[in-house]
Structures are given as structure tokens and as C-alpha cells.
C-alpha atoms as a PDB file:
ATOM      1  CA  UNK A   1     -14.350 -14.058   3.655  1.00  0.00           C
ATOM      2  CA  UNK A   2     -14.856 -15.996   0.390  1.00  0.00           C
ATOM      3  CA  UNK A   3     -15.095 -12.482  -1.035  1.00  0.00           C
ATOM      4  CA  UNK A   4     -11.785 -11.742   0.368  1.00  0.00           C
ATOM      5  CA  UNK A   5     -10.063 -14.917  -0.615  1.00  0.00           C
ATOM      6  CA  UNK A   6     -11.582 -14.364  -4.475  1.00  0.00           C
ATOM      7  CA  UNK A   7     -10.390 -10.740  -4.363  1.00  0.00           C
ATOM      8  CA  UNK A   8      -6.683 -11.989  -3.273  1.00  0.00           C
ATOM      9  CA  UNK A   9      -6.933 -14.429  -6.012  1.00  0.00           C
ATOM     10  CA  UNK A  10      -7.705 -12.034  -8.997  1.00  0.00           C
ATOM     11  CA  UNK A  11      -5.040  -9.947  -7.535  1.00  0.00           C
ATOM     12  CA  UNK A  12      -2.324 -12.500  -7.859  1.00  0.00           C
ATOM     13  CA  UNK A  13      -3.837 -13.505 -11.188  1.00  0.00           C
ATOM     14  CA  UNK A  14      -3.076  -9.984 -12.090  1.00  0.00           C
ATOM     15  CA  UNK A  15       0.321  -9.857 -10.820  1.00  0.00           C
ATOM     16  CA  UNK A  16       1.290 -13.125 -12.817  1.00  0.00           C
ATOM     17  CA  UNK A  17       0.051 -11.153 -16.172  1.00  0.00           C
ATOM     18  CA  UNK A  18       1.966  -8.203 -15.267  1.00  0.00           C
ATOM     19  CA  UNK A  19       5.067 -10.073 -15.012  1.00  0.00           C
ATOM     20  CA  UNK A  20       4.317 -11.792 -18.138  1.00  0.00           C
ATOM     21  CA  UNK A  21       3.848  -8.512 -20.000  1.00  0.00           C
ATOM     22  CA  UNK A  22       7.187  -7.390 -18.195  1.00  0.00           C
ATOM     23  CA  UNK A  23       9.256 -10.682 -19.636  1.00  0.00           C
ATOM     24  CA  UNK A  24       7.678 -10.240 -23.048  1.00  0.00           C
ATOM     25  CA  UNK A  25       8.971  -6.393 -22.939  1.00  0.00           C
ATOM     26  CA  UNK A  26      12.123  -7.476 -21.654  1.00  0.00           C
ATOM     27  CA  UNK A  27      12.564 -10.190 -24.447  1.00  0.00           C
ATOM     28  CA  UNK A  28      11.568  -7.832 -27.246  1.00  0.00           C
ATOM     29  CA  UNK A  29      14.301  -5.683 -26.560  1.00  0.00           C
ATOM     30  CA  UNK A  30      17.104  -8.310 -26.730  1.00  0.00           C
ATOM     31  CA  UNK A  31      18.511  -8.325 -30.302  1.00  0.00           C
END
């Protein structure tokens, strides 16, 4: 169960990083 929880945490963390990257890309497109 601990392994599963750890996997979920890592997946969630990866999602946050992706969102941050997307926000940066959008901000870079704003003149």
C-alpha cells in the first residue's frame, strides 16, 4: 500500500510540474 501511495504522490508531483511548464509556455507567448 505504501508503494501505491508513493506512486500516486510522484504522479501528482509530475502533474504539478507539467502544469507549471504549461503556465510558463503561456506566459512566454504573452507579448
